[in-house]
Structures are given as structure tokens and as C-alpha cells.
């Protein structure tokens, strides 16, 4: 049978704790503890009860905090998954765009070369009085190999055989002018060789170098032919 004191203690403490405290209190009472000491003992028990209650509340707070942390971790994992999927879609889109740009560049390059093959011979006939005998892309031998030129035009200028070698690019830079002119010097041919550049745009430095080296150029912004 549990005593009334033990029943009251069980409202705060576990059955084992309540039983142990009840035994301690009974032993103290049996030894005729003074009323003052007994009151102090009750105060200690009350303090223990409050401490127990605060501990349980703190444990509950920690449990709630742990739950919130776990929820945040789950949300973060989901966000990382979404970011990874978005990154993969972006990479696929970039690869697709690169293929499209590459195809457009090839198509543009081809159409620009075709345009040069149509336009340049007429310009040469007008500017140099050149009698055209051949006009096409062609591979020519160099000193240490061979090179496929975008534009090869053979013909006569005032009875002299002339070979026009053209570089065709949408945007021509000074470094490309230098590279092409060096290639032209390696061509093995018996005719007089005249280099020509054809493009939509030419850098200012490229134009200056073309004039300096005595080459010709044709662009959407005009033409230049050495005297």
C-alpha cells in the first residue's frame, strides 16, 4: 500500500523516486526530526520537484529543436537536388547552344565563301581588267606541305599570269592577316601572287597591315586595292 505522502510525490516524480523519497521522509520523521528541519526538507523536495520540471521542459525544447533541425536538413537536401537538376538542364542547354552556334558558324562560313566566289571575280575584272580562267576553292602546295585556300583565282592581267589567293572570314583580325600572308609566301607557283581578304568586318589594325603589305581587301564597308 502506498501512503498519502508517496501518492503526492508520484504526481511529480517517478514511482521509484517517489517511493525512495517517501522512505527517507518517514525515516526522518520516525527519528523525530524537528519541525524546522522537516520544513527545510520539504523545501528541498519542492526545489527538486521544480528542478525536475525544468529539466523535463528543457528536454522537450531540445527535442523540438532537434526536430526543426532535421526538417531543415531535409529541406536543404531537397534544395540541393533541385539545384543539381537545374545545373544539369543548364549544361544540356549550353551544349545544345554550342552545337547550334557551331552549325551556324559552318553555314555562315560556307555561304560567305560562296559569296566571295561570286563577287570577287567581277570586282577583279573591273579593278584590274583581269581575265578569269579559274575561280574556286583549291589546295596548293607549300614549301613544307599544302594548304586549302578559301579562294583561288587564276587569270591574266595585261597578258601576265596572275594568281589571287583569298582568305574569307566574317571577322578578320591582324593576327589572321599576318598568318595568311606568311602562308602565301610559301606557295610554290610560277604566276604573280596577289593576296586578298574578303569578310564582313576587318579590324582597324588588320586594315593597316593589309595596306602596309600591299594586299587587297573587300568588305561590306568598302574595298581596297594597291596601286
C-alpha atoms as a PDB file:
ATOM      1  CA  UNK A   1       0.000   0.000   0.000  1.00  0.00           C
ATOM      2  CA  UNK A   2       1.280   3.427  -0.852  1.00  0.00           C
ATOM      3  CA  UNK A   3       0.992   6.230   1.641  1.00  0.00           C
ATOM      4  CA  UNK A   4      -0.669   9.564   1.024  1.00  0.00           C
ATOM      5  CA  UNK A   5       2.775  11.179   1.004  1.00  0.00           C
ATOM      6  CA  UNK A   6       4.026   8.772  -1.631  1.00  0.00           C
ATOM      7  CA  UNK A   7       0.917   9.375  -3.741  1.00  0.00           C
ATOM      8  CA  UNK A   8       1.569  13.114  -3.695  1.00  0.00           C
ATOM      9  CA  UNK A   9       5.205  12.583  -4.589  1.00  0.00           C
ATOM     10  CA  UNK A  10       4.193  10.443  -7.588  1.00  0.00           C
ATOM     11  CA  UNK A  11       2.461  13.452  -9.105  1.00  0.00           C
ATOM     12  CA  UNK A  12       5.917  14.924  -9.729  1.00  0.00           C
ATOM     13  CA  UNK A  13       8.411  12.069  -9.529  1.00  0.00           C
ATOM     14  CA  UNK A  14       8.553   8.607 -10.997  1.00  0.00           C
ATOM     15  CA  UNK A  15       7.172   5.815  -8.796  1.00  0.00           C
ATOM     16  CA  UNK A  16      10.678   4.703  -7.834  1.00  0.00           C
ATOM     17  CA  UNK A  17      11.746   8.266  -6.973  1.00  0.00           C
ATOM     18  CA  UNK A  18       8.512   8.894  -5.041  1.00  0.00           C
ATOM     19  CA  UNK A  19       8.895   5.689  -3.058  1.00  0.00           C
ATOM     20  CA  UNK A  20      12.508   6.441  -2.180  1.00  0.00           C
ATOM     21  CA  UNK A  21      11.710   9.986  -1.080  1.00  0.00           C
ATOM     22  CA  UNK A  22       8.762   8.779   0.989  1.00  0.00           C
ATOM     23  CA  UNK A  23      11.006   6.286   2.770  1.00  0.00           C
ATOM     24  CA  UNK A  24      13.564   8.969   3.511  1.00  0.00           C
ATOM     25  CA  UNK A  25      10.896  11.300   4.848  1.00  0.00           C
ATOM     26  CA  UNK A  26       9.355   8.577   7.024  1.00  0.00           C
ATOM     27  CA  UNK A  27      12.737   7.635   8.470  1.00  0.00           C
ATOM     28  CA  UNK A  28      13.459  11.255   9.216  1.00  0.00           C
ATOM     29  CA  UNK A  29      10.043  11.643  10.827  1.00  0.00           C
ATOM     30  CA  UNK A  30      10.495   8.460  12.847  1.00  0.00           C
ATOM     31  CA  UNK A  31      13.731   9.853  14.252  1.00  0.00           C
ATOM     32  CA  UNK A  32      11.735  12.848  15.488  1.00  0.00           C
ATOM     33  CA  UNK A  33      13.130  15.456  13.178  1.00  0.00           C
ATOM     34  CA  UNK A  34      12.431  18.894  14.473  1.00  0.00           C
ATOM     35  CA  UNK A  35       9.674  20.856  12.755  1.00  0.00           C
ATOM     36  CA  UNK A  36      12.183  23.364  11.361  1.00  0.00           C
ATOM     37  CA  UNK A  37      14.332  20.640   9.827  1.00  0.00           C
ATOM     38  CA  UNK A  38      11.260  18.920   8.432  1.00  0.00           C
ATOM     39  CA  UNK A  39      10.150  22.163   6.788  1.00  0.00           C
ATOM     40  CA  UNK A  40      13.621  22.545   5.265  1.00  0.00           C
ATOM     41  CA  UNK A  41      13.357  19.007   3.973  1.00  0.00           C
ATOM     42  CA  UNK A  42      10.002  19.806   2.389  1.00  0.00           C
ATOM     43  CA  UNK A  43      11.573  22.892   0.811  1.00  0.00           C
ATOM     44  CA  UNK A  44      14.380  20.782  -0.627  1.00  0.00           C
ATOM     45  CA  UNK A  45      11.827  18.325  -2.021  1.00  0.00           C
ATOM     46  CA  UNK A  46       9.933  21.231  -3.578  1.00  0.00           C
ATOM     47  CA  UNK A  47      13.155  22.556  -5.135  1.00  0.00           C
ATOM     48  CA  UNK A  48      13.917  19.098  -6.501  1.00  0.00           C
ATOM     49  CA  UNK A  49      10.443  18.924  -7.972  1.00  0.00           C
ATOM     50  CA  UNK A  50      10.915  22.306  -9.711  1.00  0.00           C
ATOM     51  CA  UNK A  51      14.336  21.274 -10.988  1.00  0.00           C
ATOM     52  CA  UNK A  52      12.868  18.060 -12.336  1.00  0.00           C
ATOM     53  CA  UNK A  53      10.121  20.011 -14.063  1.00  0.00           C
ATOM     54  CA  UNK A  54      12.610  22.467 -15.605  1.00  0.00           C
ATOM     55  CA  UNK A  55      14.767  19.559 -16.775  1.00  0.00           C
ATOM     56  CA  UNK A  56      11.783  17.912 -18.465  1.00  0.00           C
ATOM     57  CA  UNK A  57      10.849  21.219 -20.122  1.00  0.00           C
ATOM     58  CA  UNK A  58      14.423  21.664 -21.326  1.00  0.00           C
ATOM     59  CA  UNK A  59      14.471  18.128 -22.691  1.00  0.00           C
ATOM     60  CA  UNK A  60      11.249  18.870 -24.574  1.00  0.00           C
ATOM     61  CA  UNK A  61      12.752  22.085 -26.013  1.00  0.00           C
ATOM     62  CA  UNK A  62      15.815  20.174 -27.155  1.00  0.00           C
ATOM     63  CA  UNK A  63      13.596  17.557 -28.758  1.00  0.00           C
ATOM     64  CA  UNK A  64      11.681  20.255 -30.638  1.00  0.00           C
ATOM     65  CA  UNK A  65      14.924  21.929 -31.730  1.00  0.00           C
ATOM     66  CA  UNK A  66      16.232  18.575 -32.958  1.00  0.00           C
ATOM     67  CA  UNK A  67      13.027  18.056 -34.917  1.00  0.00           C
ATOM     68  CA  UNK A  68      13.332  21.504 -36.533  1.00  0.00           C
ATOM     69  CA  UNK A  69      16.974  20.805 -37.404  1.00  0.00           C
ATOM     70  CA  UNK A  70      16.061  17.520 -39.050  1.00  0.00           C
ATOM     71  CA  UNK A  71      13.311  19.251 -41.048  1.00  0.00           C
ATOM     72  CA  UNK A  72      15.782  21.919 -42.198  1.00  0.00           C
ATOM     73  CA  UNK A  73      18.276  19.237 -43.236  1.00  0.00           C
ATOM     74  CA  UNK A  74      15.567  17.542 -45.303  1.00  0.00           C
ATOM     75  CA  UNK A  75      14.637  20.877 -46.917  1.00  0.00           C
ATOM     76  CA  UNK A  76      18.307  21.600 -47.665  1.00  0.00           C
ATOM     77  CA  UNK A  77      18.757  18.183 -49.269  1.00  0.00           C
ATOM     78  CA  UNK A  78      15.702  18.808 -51.444  1.00  0.00           C
ATOM     79  CA  UNK A  79      17.055  22.233 -52.449  1.00  0.00           C
ATOM     80  CA  UNK A  80      20.420  20.681 -53.371  1.00  0.00           C
ATOM     81  CA  UNK A  81      18.631  18.090 -55.518  1.00  0.00           C
ATOM     82  CA  UNK A  82      16.678  20.839 -57.298  1.00  0.00           C
ATOM     83  CA  UNK A  83      19.865  22.836 -57.845  1.00  0.00           C
ATOM     84  CA  UNK A  84      21.640  19.789 -59.238  1.00  0.00           C
ATOM     85  CA  UNK A  85      18.768  19.130 -61.642  1.00  0.00           C
ATOM     86  CA  UNK A  86      18.756  22.785 -62.731  1.00  0.00           C
ATOM     87  CA  UNK A  87      22.527  22.669 -63.268  1.00  0.00           C
ATOM     88  CA  UNK A  88      22.170  19.576 -65.427  1.00  0.00           C
ATOM     89  CA  UNK A  89      19.445  21.260 -67.518  1.00  0.00           C
ATOM     90  CA  UNK A  90      21.664  24.341 -67.923  1.00  0.00           C
ATOM     91  CA  UNK A  91      24.620  22.241 -69.062  1.00  0.00           C
ATOM     92  CA  UNK A  92      22.427  20.447 -71.611  1.00  0.00           C
ATOM     93  CA  UNK A  93      21.145  23.786 -72.885  1.00  0.00           C
ATOM     94  CA  UNK A  94      24.704  25.149 -73.185  1.00  0.00           C
ATOM     95  CA  UNK A  95      25.843  22.058 -75.108  1.00  0.00           C
ATOM     96  CA  UNK A  96      22.861  22.342 -77.431  1.00  0.00           C
ATOM     97  CA  UNK A  97      23.526  26.046 -77.964  1.00  0.00           C
ATOM     98  CA  UNK A  98      27.178  25.322 -78.704  1.00  0.00           C
ATOM     99  CA  UNK A  99      26.151  22.790 -81.359  1.00  0.00           C
ATOM    100  CA  UNK A 100      23.733  25.284 -82.883  1.00  0.00           C
ATOM    101  CA  UNK A 101      26.329  28.057 -82.903  1.00  0.00           C
ATOM    102  CA  UNK A 102      28.862  25.683 -84.413  1.00  0.00           C
ATOM    103  CA  UNK A 103      26.430  24.711 -87.144  1.00  0.00           C
ATOM    104  CA  UNK A 104      25.574  28.343 -87.782  1.00  0.00           C
ATOM    105  CA  UNK A 105      29.254  29.224 -87.974  1.00  0.00           C
ATOM    106  CA  UNK A 106      29.880  26.483 -90.514  1.00  0.00           C
ATOM    107  CA  UNK A 107      26.835  27.539 -92.550  1.00  0.00           C
ATOM    108  CA  UNK A 108      27.887  31.182 -92.399  1.00  0.00           C
ATOM    109  CA  UNK A 109      31.445  30.348 -93.378  1.00  0.00           C
ATOM    110  CA  UNK A 110      30.289  28.280 -96.316  1.00  0.00           C
ATOM    111  CA  UNK A 111      27.825  30.875 -97.571  1.00  0.00           C
ATOM    112  CA  UNK A 112      30.411  33.631 -97.173  1.00  0.00           C
ATOM    113  CA  UNK A 113      32.908  31.663 -99.257  1.00  0.00           C
ATOM    114  CA  UNK A 114      30.231  31.081-101.892  1.00  0.00           C
ATOM    115  CA  UNK A 115      29.516  34.802-101.904  1.00  0.00           C
ATOM    116  CA  UNK A 116      33.217  35.553-102.360  1.00  0.00           C
ATOM    117  CA  UNK A 117      33.410  33.134-105.286  1.00  0.00           C
ATOM    118  CA  UNK A 118      30.543  35.014-106.946  1.00  0.00           C
ATOM    119  CA  UNK A 119      31.546  38.600-106.167  1.00  0.00           C
ATOM    120  CA  UNK A 120      35.337  38.771-106.208  1.00  0.00           C
ATOM    121  CA  UNK A 121      35.893  37.726-109.872  1.00  0.00           C
ATOM    122  CA  UNK A 122      33.627  40.535-111.085  1.00  0.00           C
ATOM    123  CA  UNK A 123      35.473  43.032-108.884  1.00  0.00           C
ATOM    124  CA  UNK A 124      38.833  41.849-110.217  1.00  0.00           C
ATOM    125  CA  UNK A 125      37.616  42.139-113.797  1.00  0.00           C
ATOM    126  CA  UNK A 126      36.555  45.720-113.089  1.00  0.00           C
ATOM    127  CA  UNK A 127      39.544  46.859-110.978  1.00  0.00           C
ATOM    128  CA  UNK A 128      42.418  45.024-112.674  1.00  0.00           C
ATOM    129  CA  UNK A 129      40.886  44.132-116.010  1.00  0.00           C
ATOM    130  CA  UNK A 130      41.626  40.524-115.099  1.00  0.00           C
ATOM    131  CA  UNK A 131      40.578  37.802-117.493  1.00  0.00           C
ATOM    132  CA  UNK A 132      39.359  34.992-115.198  1.00  0.00           C
ATOM    133  CA  UNK A 133      40.389  31.460-116.098  1.00  0.00           C
ATOM    134  CA  UNK A 134      39.717  29.640-112.816  1.00  0.00           C
ATOM    135  CA  UNK A 135      37.827  30.518-109.634  1.00  0.00           C
ATOM    136  CA  UNK A 136      37.158  28.080-106.790  1.00  0.00           C
ATOM    137  CA  UNK A 137      38.467  26.699-103.519  1.00  0.00           C
ATOM    138  CA  UNK A 138      41.683  24.811-104.071  1.00  0.00           C
ATOM    139  CA  UNK A 139      44.549  23.104-102.256  1.00  0.00           C
ATOM    140  CA  UNK A 140      48.019  24.337-103.213  1.00  0.00           C
ATOM    141  CA  UNK A 141      51.479  23.016-102.334  1.00  0.00           C
ATOM    142  CA  UNK A 142      53.576  24.904 -99.815  1.00  0.00           C
ATOM    143  CA  UNK A 143      57.234  24.648 -99.019  1.00  0.00           C
ATOM    144  CA  UNK A 144      56.560  22.130 -96.228  1.00  0.00           C
ATOM    145  CA  UNK A 145      53.139  20.708 -97.116  1.00  0.00           C
ATOM    146  CA  UNK A 146      49.911  22.012 -98.603  1.00  0.00           C
ATOM    147  CA  UNK A 147      47.029  24.339 -97.709  1.00  0.00           C
ATOM    148  CA  UNK A 148      43.405  24.612 -98.798  1.00  0.00           C
ATOM    149  CA  UNK A 149      42.628  28.206 -99.738  1.00  0.00           C
ATOM    150  CA  UNK A 150      39.116  29.618 -99.483  1.00  0.00           C
ATOM    151  CA  UNK A 151      39.509  31.493-102.758  1.00  0.00           C
ATOM    152  CA  UNK A 152      41.850  30.696-105.663  1.00  0.00           C
ATOM    153  CA  UNK A 153      41.540  32.757-108.850  1.00  0.00           C
ATOM    154  CA  UNK A 154      43.791  32.302-111.865  1.00  0.00           C
ATOM    155  CA  UNK A 155      43.794  34.565-114.871  1.00  0.00           C
ATOM    156  CA  UNK A 156      45.585  37.190-116.974  1.00  0.00           C
ATOM    157  CA  UNK A 157      46.220  40.852-116.155  1.00  0.00           C
ATOM    158  CA  UNK A 158      47.610  42.765-119.133  1.00  0.00           C
ATOM    159  CA  UNK A 159      48.826  39.481-120.575  1.00  0.00           C
ATOM    160  CA  UNK A 160      50.647  38.398-117.400  1.00  0.00           C
ATOM    161  CA  UNK A 161      49.542  35.305-115.454  1.00  0.00           C
ATOM    162  CA  UNK A 162      48.243  36.233-112.007  1.00  0.00           C
ATOM    163  CA  UNK A 163      47.246  34.008-109.089  1.00  0.00           C
ATOM    164  CA  UNK A 164      44.895  35.573-106.500  1.00  0.00           C
ATOM    165  CA  UNK A 165      44.772  33.788-103.146  1.00  0.00           C
ATOM    166  CA  UNK A 166      41.940  34.821-100.876  1.00  0.00           C
ATOM    167  CA  UNK A 167      41.219  34.404 -97.165  1.00  0.00           C
ATOM    168  CA  UNK A 168      37.487  34.522 -96.378  1.00  0.00           C
ATOM    169  CA  UNK A 169      36.298  35.181 -92.816  1.00  0.00           C
ATOM    170  CA  UNK A 170      33.369  37.007 -91.280  1.00  0.00           C
ATOM    171  CA  UNK A 171      35.685  38.966 -88.959  1.00  0.00           C
ATOM    172  CA  UNK A 172      39.335  39.436 -89.941  1.00  0.00           C
ATOM    173  CA  UNK A 173      41.929  40.301 -87.306  1.00  0.00           C
ATOM    174  CA  UNK A 174      45.521  41.500 -87.619  1.00  0.00           C
ATOM    175  CA  UNK A 175      46.884  38.155 -86.407  1.00  0.00           C
ATOM    176  CA  UNK A 176      44.895  36.328 -89.109  1.00  0.00           C
ATOM    177  CA  UNK A 177      46.241  38.726 -91.746  1.00  0.00           C
ATOM    178  CA  UNK A 178      49.808  38.054 -90.596  1.00  0.00           C
ATOM    179  CA  UNK A 179      49.267  34.292 -90.565  1.00  0.00           C
ATOM    180  CA  UNK A 180      47.712  34.226 -94.039  1.00  0.00           C
ATOM    181  CA  UNK A 181      50.362  36.449 -95.625  1.00  0.00           C
ATOM    182  CA  UNK A 182      53.062  34.157 -94.238  1.00  0.00           C
ATOM    183  CA  UNK A 183      51.273  31.196 -95.834  1.00  0.00           C
ATOM    184  CA  UNK A 184      51.119  32.987 -99.176  1.00  0.00           C
ATOM    185  CA  UNK A 185      54.898  33.446 -99.183  1.00  0.00           C
ATOM    186  CA  UNK A 186      55.273  29.649 -99.013  1.00  0.00           C
ATOM    187  CA  UNK A 187      53.121  28.901-102.064  1.00  0.00           C
ATOM    188  CA  UNK A 188      55.040  27.324-104.923  1.00  0.00           C
ATOM    189  CA  UNK A 189      53.679  28.933-108.092  1.00  0.00           C
ATOM    190  CA  UNK A 190      55.075  30.382-111.326  1.00  0.00           C
ATOM    191  CA  UNK A 191      52.442  33.183-111.543  1.00  0.00           C
ATOM    192  CA  UNK A 192      52.473  36.524-109.818  1.00  0.00           C
ATOM    193  CA  UNK A 193      50.698  36.002-106.496  1.00  0.00           C
ATOM    194  CA  UNK A 194      48.326  38.636-105.124  1.00  0.00           C
ATOM    195  CA  UNK A 195      46.783  38.057-101.668  1.00  0.00           C
ATOM    196  CA  UNK A 196      43.217  39.212-100.991  1.00  0.00           C
ATOM    197  CA  UNK A 197      40.990  39.311 -97.890  1.00  0.00           C
ATOM    198  CA  UNK A 198      37.214  39.052 -98.008  1.00  0.00           C
ATOM    199  CA  UNK A 199      34.935  39.479 -94.979  1.00  0.00           C
ATOM    200  CA  UNK A 200      32.105  41.308 -93.298  1.00  0.00           C
ATOM    201  CA  UNK A 201      34.322  43.170 -90.825  1.00  0.00           C
ATOM    202  CA  UNK A 202      38.031  43.960 -90.624  1.00  0.00           C
ATOM    203  CA  UNK A 203      39.757  45.309 -87.543  1.00  0.00           C
ATOM    204  CA  UNK A 204      41.494  48.656 -87.963  1.00  0.00           C
ATOM    205  CA  UNK A 205      44.856  47.010 -87.249  1.00  0.00           C
ATOM    206  CA  UNK A 206      44.070  44.372 -89.886  1.00  0.00           C
ATOM    207  CA  UNK A 207      43.283  47.051 -92.478  1.00  0.00           C
ATOM    208  CA  UNK A 208      46.509  48.888 -91.703  1.00  0.00           C
ATOM    209  CA  UNK A 209      48.546  45.694 -92.055  1.00  0.00           C
ATOM    210  CA  UNK A 210      46.867  44.790 -95.359  1.00  0.00           C
ATOM    211  CA  UNK A 211      47.728  48.203 -96.822  1.00  0.00           C
ATOM    212  CA  UNK A 212      51.265  48.027 -95.446  1.00  0.00           C
ATOM    213  CA  UNK A 213      51.888  44.604 -97.011  1.00  0.00           C
ATOM    214  CA  UNK A 214      50.372  45.514-100.375  1.00  0.00           C
ATOM    215  CA  UNK A 215      47.420  43.096-100.226  1.00  0.00           C
ATOM    216  CA  UNK A 216      43.824  43.730-101.311  1.00  0.00           C
ATOM    217  CA  UNK A 217      40.637  43.589 -99.265  1.00  0.00           C
ATOM    218  CA  UNK A 218      36.903  43.528 -99.884  1.00  0.00           C
ATOM    219  CA  UNK A 219      34.371  44.019 -97.079  1.00  0.00           C
ATOM    220  CA  UNK A 220      30.853  45.289 -96.505  1.00  0.00           C
ATOM    221  CA  UNK A 221      32.371  48.694 -95.700  1.00  0.00           C
ATOM    222  CA  UNK A 222      34.377  49.096 -98.865  1.00  0.00           C
ATOM    223  CA  UNK A 223      37.235  47.821-100.974  1.00  0.00           C
ATOM    224  CA  UNK A 224      40.949  48.444-101.095  1.00  0.00           C
ATOM    225  CA  UNK A 225      43.347  47.544-103.909  1.00  0.00           C
ATOM    226  CA  UNK A 226      47.017  48.552-104.004  1.00  0.00           C
ATOM    227  CA  UNK A 227      48.155  50.753-106.869  1.00  0.00           C
END
